[in-house]
Amino acid sequence: MESGPEAFAGVAFALFGAGLLVWTGACARSGAPVAEGVSRPVAAVTALLAGVLFLITGAWLLVAL
């Protein structure tokens, strides 16, 4: 029974990470700012690192079931 919350958290982390990567890619491709008040390179790199980190965490949670 303990795997239910772990699976939910894994899916949530993976979806958020994937969404963040898609958002960052769409903003970078169109030239729109990724975050307000931050330079584009810093915002893009930070968002990419966070997206990858969330995806890795979600995958780890799903594999550890």
PDB file of N, CA and C in Angstrom:
ATOM      1  N   MET A   1       0.790  -1.205   0.000  1.00  0.00           N
ATOM      2  CA  MET A   1       0.000   0.000   0.000  1.00  0.00           C
ATOM      3  C   MET A   1       0.831   1.267   0.000  1.00  0.00           C
ATOM      4  N   GLU A   2       2.057   1.189   0.406  1.00  0.00           N
ATOM      5  CA  GLU A   2       2.880   2.392   0.486  1.00  0.00           C
ATOM      6  C   GLU A   2       3.358   2.871  -0.873  1.00  0.00           C
ATOM      7  N   SER A   3       3.186   2.073  -1.914  1.00  0.00           N
ATOM      8  CA  SER A   3       3.677   2.482  -3.227  1.00  0.00           C
ATOM      9  C   SER A   3       2.729   3.465  -3.916  1.00  0.00           C
ATOM     10  N   GLY A   4       1.503   3.608  -3.435  1.00  0.00           N
ATOM     11  CA  GLY A   4       0.545   4.538  -4.049  1.00  0.00           C
ATOM     12  C   GLY A   4       1.016   5.980  -4.009  1.00  0.00           C
ATOM     13  N   PRO A   5       1.365   6.507  -2.839  1.00  0.00           N
ATOM     14  CA  PRO A   5       1.855   7.886  -2.784  1.00  0.00           C
ATOM     15  C   PRO A   5       3.181   8.068  -3.532  1.00  0.00           C
ATOM     16  N   GLU A   6       4.008   7.035  -3.509  1.00  0.00           N
ATOM     17  CA  GLU A   6       5.284   7.130  -4.225  1.00  0.00           C
ATOM     18  C   GLU A   6       5.055   7.198  -5.734  1.00  0.00           C
ATOM     19  N   ALA A   7       4.113   6.423  -6.231  1.00  0.00           N
ATOM     20  CA  ALA A   7       3.798   6.462  -7.659  1.00  0.00           C
ATOM     21  C   ALA A   7       3.203   7.813  -8.043  1.00  0.00           C
ATOM     22  N   PHE A   8       2.316   8.334  -7.210  1.00  0.00           N
ATOM     23  CA  PHE A   8       1.721   9.640  -7.476  1.00  0.00           C
ATOM     24  C   PHE A   8       2.797  10.721  -7.511  1.00  0.00           C
ATOM     25  N   ALA A   9       3.698  10.698  -6.538  1.00  0.00           N
ATOM     26  CA  ALA A   9       4.773  11.694  -6.499  1.00  0.00           C
ATOM     27  C   ALA A   9       5.685  11.547  -7.708  1.00  0.00           C
ATOM     28  N   GLY A  10       5.982  10.318  -8.104  1.00  0.00           N
ATOM     29  CA  GLY A  10       6.836  10.096  -9.268  1.00  0.00           C
ATOM     30  C   GLY A  10       6.223  10.643 -10.538  1.00  0.00           C
ATOM     31  N   VAL A  11       4.935  10.392 -10.725  1.00  0.00           N
ATOM     32  CA  VAL A  11       4.247  10.903 -11.914  1.00  0.00           C
ATOM     33  C   VAL A  11       4.179  12.425 -11.872  1.00  0.00           C
ATOM     34  N   ALA A  12       3.901  12.978 -10.699  1.00  0.00           N
ATOM     35  CA  ALA A  12       3.816  14.445 -10.576  1.00  0.00           C
ATOM     36  C   ALA A  12       5.167  15.096 -10.884  1.00  0.00           C
ATOM     37  N   PHE A  13       6.239  14.559 -10.329  1.00  0.00           N
ATOM     38  CA  PHE A  13       7.568  15.107 -10.596  1.00  0.00           C
ATOM     39  C   PHE A  13       7.920  14.975 -12.078  1.00  0.00           C
ATOM     40  N   ALA A  14       7.650  13.823 -12.662  1.00  0.00           N
ATOM     41  CA  ALA A  14       7.994  13.606 -14.070  1.00  0.00           C
ATOM     42  C   ALA A  14       7.193  14.538 -14.984  1.00  0.00           C
ATOM     43  N   LEU A  15       5.908  14.699 -14.723  1.00  0.00           N
ATOM     44  CA  LEU A  15       5.092  15.592 -15.549  1.00  0.00           C
ATOM     45  C   LEU A  15       5.524  17.045 -15.409  1.00  0.00           C
ATOM     46  N   PHE A  16       5.831  17.454 -14.178  1.00  0.00           N
ATOM     47  CA  PHE A  16       6.280  18.829 -13.988  1.00  0.00           C
ATOM     48  C   PHE A  16       7.616  19.061 -14.685  1.00  0.00           C
ATOM     49  N   GLY A  17       8.541  18.116 -14.569  1.00  0.00           N
ATOM     50  CA  GLY A  17       9.837  18.248 -15.233  1.00  0.00           C
ATOM     51  C   GLY A  17       9.696  18.313 -16.742  1.00  0.00           C
ATOM     52  N   ALA A  18       8.855  17.447 -17.293  1.00  0.00           N
ATOM     53  CA  ALA A  18       8.644  17.456 -18.741  1.00  0.00           C
ATOM     54  C   ALA A  18       7.982  18.761 -19.183  1.00  0.00           C
ATOM     55  N   GLY A  19       7.002  19.217 -18.424  1.00  0.00           N
ATOM     56  CA  GLY A  19       6.347  20.483 -18.753  1.00  0.00           C
ATOM     57  C   GLY A  19       7.297  21.661 -18.693  1.00  0.00           C
ATOM     58  N   LEU A  20       8.171  21.655 -17.696  1.00  0.00           N
ATOM     59  CA  LEU A  20       9.145  22.734 -17.565  1.00  0.00           C
ATOM     60  C   LEU A  20      10.132  22.728 -18.734  1.00  0.00           C
ATOM     61  N   LEU A  21      10.537  21.548 -19.163  1.00  0.00           N
ATOM     62  CA  LEU A  21      11.445  21.463 -20.313  1.00  0.00           C
ATOM     63  C   LEU A  21      10.757  21.919 -21.596  1.00  0.00           C
ATOM     64  N   VAL A  22       9.510  21.537 -21.781  1.00  0.00           N
ATOM     65  CA  VAL A  22       8.765  21.971 -22.974  1.00  0.00           C
ATOM     66  C   VAL A  22       8.572  23.485 -22.949  1.00  0.00           C
ATOM     67  N   TRP A  23       8.200  24.022 -21.791  1.00  0.00           N
ATOM     68  CA  TRP A  23       8.003  25.469 -21.651  1.00  0.00           C
ATOM     69  C   TRP A  23       9.298  26.225 -21.961  1.00  0.00           C
ATOM     70  N   THR A  24      10.399  25.762 -21.406  1.00  0.00           N
ATOM     71  CA  THR A  24      11.686  26.426 -21.620  1.00  0.00           C
ATOM     72  C   THR A  24      12.080  26.372 -23.089  1.00  0.00           C
ATOM     73  N   GLY A  25      11.869  25.216 -23.699  1.00  0.00           N
ATOM     74  CA  GLY A  25      12.187  25.084 -25.125  1.00  0.00           C
ATOM     75  C   GLY A  25      11.333  25.988 -25.993  1.00  0.00           C
ATOM     76  N   ALA A  26      10.048  26.081 -25.677  1.00  0.00           N
ATOM     77  CA  ALA A  26       9.158  26.937 -26.458  1.00  0.00           C
ATOM     78  C   ALA A  26       9.529  28.408 -26.296  1.00  0.00           C
ATOM     79  N   CYS A  27       9.863  28.798 -25.071  1.00  0.00           N
ATOM     80  CA  CYS A  27      10.263  30.193 -24.846  1.00  0.00           C
ATOM     81  C   CYS A  27      11.583  30.510 -25.532  1.00  0.00           C
ATOM     82  N   ALA A  28      12.529  29.600 -25.435  1.00  0.00           N
ATOM     83  CA  ALA A  28      13.833  29.833 -26.062  1.00  0.00           C
ATOM     84  C   ALA A  28      13.709  29.885 -27.580  1.00  0.00           C
ATOM     85  N   ARG A  29      12.854  29.045 -28.136  1.00  0.00           N
ATOM     86  CA  ARG A  29      12.686  29.006 -29.592  1.00  0.00           C
ATOM     87  C   ARG A  29      12.009  30.270 -30.120  1.00  0.00           C
ATOM     88  N   SER A  30      11.033  30.782 -29.373  1.00  0.00           N
ATOM     89  CA  SER A  30      10.300  31.962 -29.842  1.00  0.00           C
ATOM     90  C   SER A  30      10.963  33.269 -29.432  1.00  0.00           C
ATOM     91  N   GLY A  31      11.956  33.198 -28.565  1.00  0.00           N
ATOM     92  CA  GLY A  31      12.635  34.415 -28.123  1.00  0.00           C
ATOM     93  C   GLY A  31      11.955  35.101 -26.957  1.00  0.00           C
ATOM     94  N   ALA A  32      10.928  34.474 -26.407  1.00  0.00           N
ATOM     95  CA  ALA A  32      10.229  35.045 -25.253  1.00  0.00           C
ATOM     96  C   ALA A  32      11.060  34.836 -23.994  1.00  0.00           C
ATOM     97  N   PRO A  33      10.914  35.696 -23.021  1.00  0.00           N
ATOM     98  CA  PRO A  33      11.665  35.498 -21.785  1.00  0.00           C
ATOM     99  C   PRO A  33      11.158  34.267 -21.032  1.00  0.00           C
ATOM    100  N   VAL A  34      12.080  33.519 -20.455  1.00  0.00           N
ATOM    101  CA  VAL A  34      11.718  32.336 -19.687  1.00  0.00           C
ATOM    102  C   VAL A  34      11.198  32.746 -18.317  1.00  0.00           C
ATOM    103  N   ALA A  35      11.822  33.761 -17.719  1.00  0.00           N
ATOM    104  CA  ALA A  35      11.391  34.288 -16.428  1.00  0.00           C
ATOM    105  C   ALA A  35      11.504  35.802 -16.460  1.00  0.00           C
ATOM    106  N   GLU A  36      10.613  36.452 -15.785  1.00  0.00           N
ATOM    107  CA  GLU A  36      10.617  37.918 -15.741  1.00  0.00           C
ATOM    108  C   GLU A  36      11.716  38.428 -14.813  1.00  0.00           C
ATOM    109  N   GLY A  37      12.439  39.432 -15.247  1.00  0.00           N
ATOM    110  CA  GLY A  37      13.430  40.085 -14.406  1.00  0.00           C
ATOM    111  C   GLY A  37      14.756  39.359 -14.292  1.00  0.00           C
ATOM    112  N   VAL A  38      14.981  38.335 -15.110  1.00  0.00           N
ATOM    113  CA  VAL A  38      16.227  37.569 -15.060  1.00  0.00           C
ATOM    114  C   VAL A  38      16.784  37.531 -16.476  1.00  0.00           C
ATOM    115  N   SER A  39      18.102  37.538 -16.591  1.00  0.00           N
ATOM    116  CA  SER A  39      18.683  37.465 -17.931  1.00  0.00           C
ATOM    117  C   SER A  39      18.325  36.131 -18.592  1.00  0.00           C
ATOM    118  N   ARG A  40      18.187  36.159 -19.896  1.00  0.00           N
ATOM    119  CA  ARG A  40      17.743  34.968 -20.628  1.00  0.00           C
ATOM    120  C   ARG A  40      18.638  33.757 -20.437  1.00  0.00           C
ATOM    121  N   PRO A  41      19.951  33.892 -20.544  1.00  0.00           N
ATOM    122  CA  PRO A  41      20.784  32.693 -20.379  1.00  0.00           C
ATOM    123  C   PRO A  41      20.685  32.081 -18.981  1.00  0.00           C
ATOM    124  N   VAL A  42      20.665  32.927 -17.974  1.00  0.00           N
ATOM    125  CA  VAL A  42      20.578  32.411 -16.597  1.00  0.00           C
ATOM    126  C   VAL A  42      19.233  31.726 -16.379  1.00  0.00           C
ATOM    127  N   ALA A  43      18.159  32.335 -16.843  1.00  0.00           N
ATOM    128  CA  ALA A  43      16.831  31.757 -16.669  1.00  0.00           C
ATOM    129  C   ALA A  43      16.703  30.444 -17.432  1.00  0.00           C
ATOM    130  N   ALA A  44      17.214  30.400 -18.659  1.00  0.00           N
ATOM    131  CA  ALA A  44      17.103  29.179 -19.463  1.00  0.00           C
ATOM    132  C   ALA A  44      17.901  28.032 -18.845  1.00  0.00           C
ATOM    133  N   VAL A  45      19.117  28.305 -18.420  1.00  0.00           N
ATOM    134  CA  VAL A  45      19.957  27.251 -17.829  1.00  0.00           C
ATOM    135  C   VAL A  45      19.349  26.766 -16.524  1.00  0.00           C
ATOM    136  N   THR A  46      18.866  27.681 -15.703  1.00  0.00           N
ATOM    137  CA  THR A  46      18.258  27.293 -14.426  1.00  0.00           C
ATOM    138  C   THR A  46      17.003  26.460 -14.649  1.00  0.00           C
ATOM    139  N   ALA A  47      16.165  26.868 -15.598  1.00  0.00           N
ATOM    140  CA  ALA A  47      14.946  26.116 -15.881  1.00  0.00           C
ATOM    141  C   ALA A  47      15.269  24.746 -16.473  1.00  0.00           C
ATOM    142  N   LEU A  48      16.266  24.671 -17.334  1.00  0.00           N
ATOM    143  CA  LEU A  48      16.658  23.374 -17.901  1.00  0.00           C
ATOM    144  C   LEU A  48      17.192  22.439 -16.823  1.00  0.00           C
ATOM    145  N   LEU A  49      18.033  22.956 -15.952  1.00  0.00           N
ATOM    146  CA  LEU A  49      18.568  22.118 -14.872  1.00  0.00           C
ATOM    147  C   LEU A  49      17.459  21.649 -13.940  1.00  0.00           C
ATOM    148  N   ALA A  50      16.534  22.543 -13.613  1.00  0.00           N
ATOM    149  CA  ALA A  50      15.428  22.158 -12.741  1.00  0.00           C
ATOM    150  C   ALA A  50      14.534  21.113 -13.414  1.00  0.00           C
ATOM    151  N   GLY A  51      14.269  21.287 -14.701  1.00  0.00           N
ATOM    152  CA  GLY A  51      13.448  20.321 -15.428  1.00  0.00           C
ATOM    153  C   GLY A  51      14.074  18.945 -15.463  1.00  0.00           C
ATOM    154  N   VAL A  52      15.373  18.899 -15.729  1.00  0.00           N
ATOM    155  CA  VAL A  52      16.077  17.619 -15.753  1.00  0.00           C
ATOM    156  C   VAL A  52      16.093  16.999 -14.357  1.00  0.00           C
ATOM    157  N   LEU A  53      16.304  17.813 -13.341  1.00  0.00           N
ATOM    158  CA  LEU A  53      16.309  17.309 -11.970  1.00  0.00           C
ATOM    159  C   LEU A  53      14.948  16.728 -11.588  1.00  0.00           C
ATOM    160  N   PHE A  54      13.876  17.410 -11.955  1.00  0.00           N
ATOM    161  CA  PHE A  54      12.538  16.892 -11.664  1.00  0.00           C
ATOM    162  C   PHE A  54      12.265  15.608 -12.432  1.00  0.00           C
ATOM    163  N   LEU A  55      12.694  15.530 -13.687  1.00  0.00           N
ATOM    164  CA  LEU A  55      12.504  14.302 -14.455  1.00  0.00           C
ATOM    165  C   LEU A  55      13.278  13.139 -13.846  1.00  0.00           C
ATOM    166  N   ILE A  56      14.499  13.368 -13.445  1.00  0.00           N
ATOM    167  CA  ILE A  56      15.309  12.315 -12.829  1.00  0.00           C
ATOM    168  C   ILE A  56      14.681  11.860 -11.518  1.00  0.00           C
ATOM    169  N   THR A  57      14.213  12.805 -10.725  1.00  0.00           N
ATOM    170  CA  THR A  57      13.582  12.458  -9.452  1.00  0.00           C
ATOM    171  C   THR A  57      12.298  11.644  -9.690  1.00  0.00           C
ATOM    172  N   GLY A  58      11.501  12.063 -10.641  1.00  0.00           N
ATOM    173  CA  GLY A  58      10.277  11.310 -10.961  1.00  0.00           C
ATOM    174  C   GLY A  58      10.581   9.913 -11.452  1.00  0.00           C
ATOM    175  N   ALA A  59      11.574   9.777 -12.318  1.00  0.00           N
ATOM    176  CA  ALA A  59      11.960   8.452 -12.800  1.00  0.00           C
ATOM    177  C   ALA A  59      12.489   7.588 -11.669  1.00  0.00           C
ATOM    178  N   TRP A  60      13.264   8.175 -10.797  1.00  0.00           N
ATOM    179  CA  TRP A  60      13.810   7.424  -9.661  1.00  0.00           C
ATOM    180  C   TRP A  60      12.681   6.923  -8.747  1.00  0.00           C
ATOM    181  N   LEU A  61      11.705   7.775  -8.495  1.00  0.00           N
ATOM    182  CA  LEU A  61      10.575   7.363  -7.667  1.00  0.00           C
ATOM    183  C   LEU A  61       9.770   6.262  -8.328  1.00  0.00           C
ATOM    184  N   LEU A  62       9.592   6.336  -9.631  1.00  0.00           N
ATOM    185  CA  LEU A  62       8.810   5.311 -10.329  1.00  0.00           C
ATOM    186  C   LEU A  62       9.574   3.992 -10.434  1.00  0.00           C
ATOM    187  N   VAL A  63      10.884   4.054 -10.589  1.00  0.00           N
ATOM    188  CA  VAL A  63      11.677   2.830 -10.687  1.00  0.00           C
ATOM    189  C   VAL A  63      11.821   2.170  -9.322  1.00  0.00           C
ATOM    190  N   ALA A  64      11.821   2.972  -8.266  1.00  0.00           N
ATOM    191  CA  ALA A  64      12.022   2.435  -6.913  1.00  0.00           C
ATOM    192  C   ALA A  64      10.776   1.758  -6.352  1.00  0.00           C
ATOM    193  N   LEU A  65       9.699   1.702  -7.122  1.00  0.00           N
ATOM    194  CA  LEU A  65       8.466   1.055  -6.634  1.00  0.00           C
ATOM    195  C   LEU A  65       8.739  -0.351  -6.326  1.00  0.00           C
TER     196      LEU A  65
END
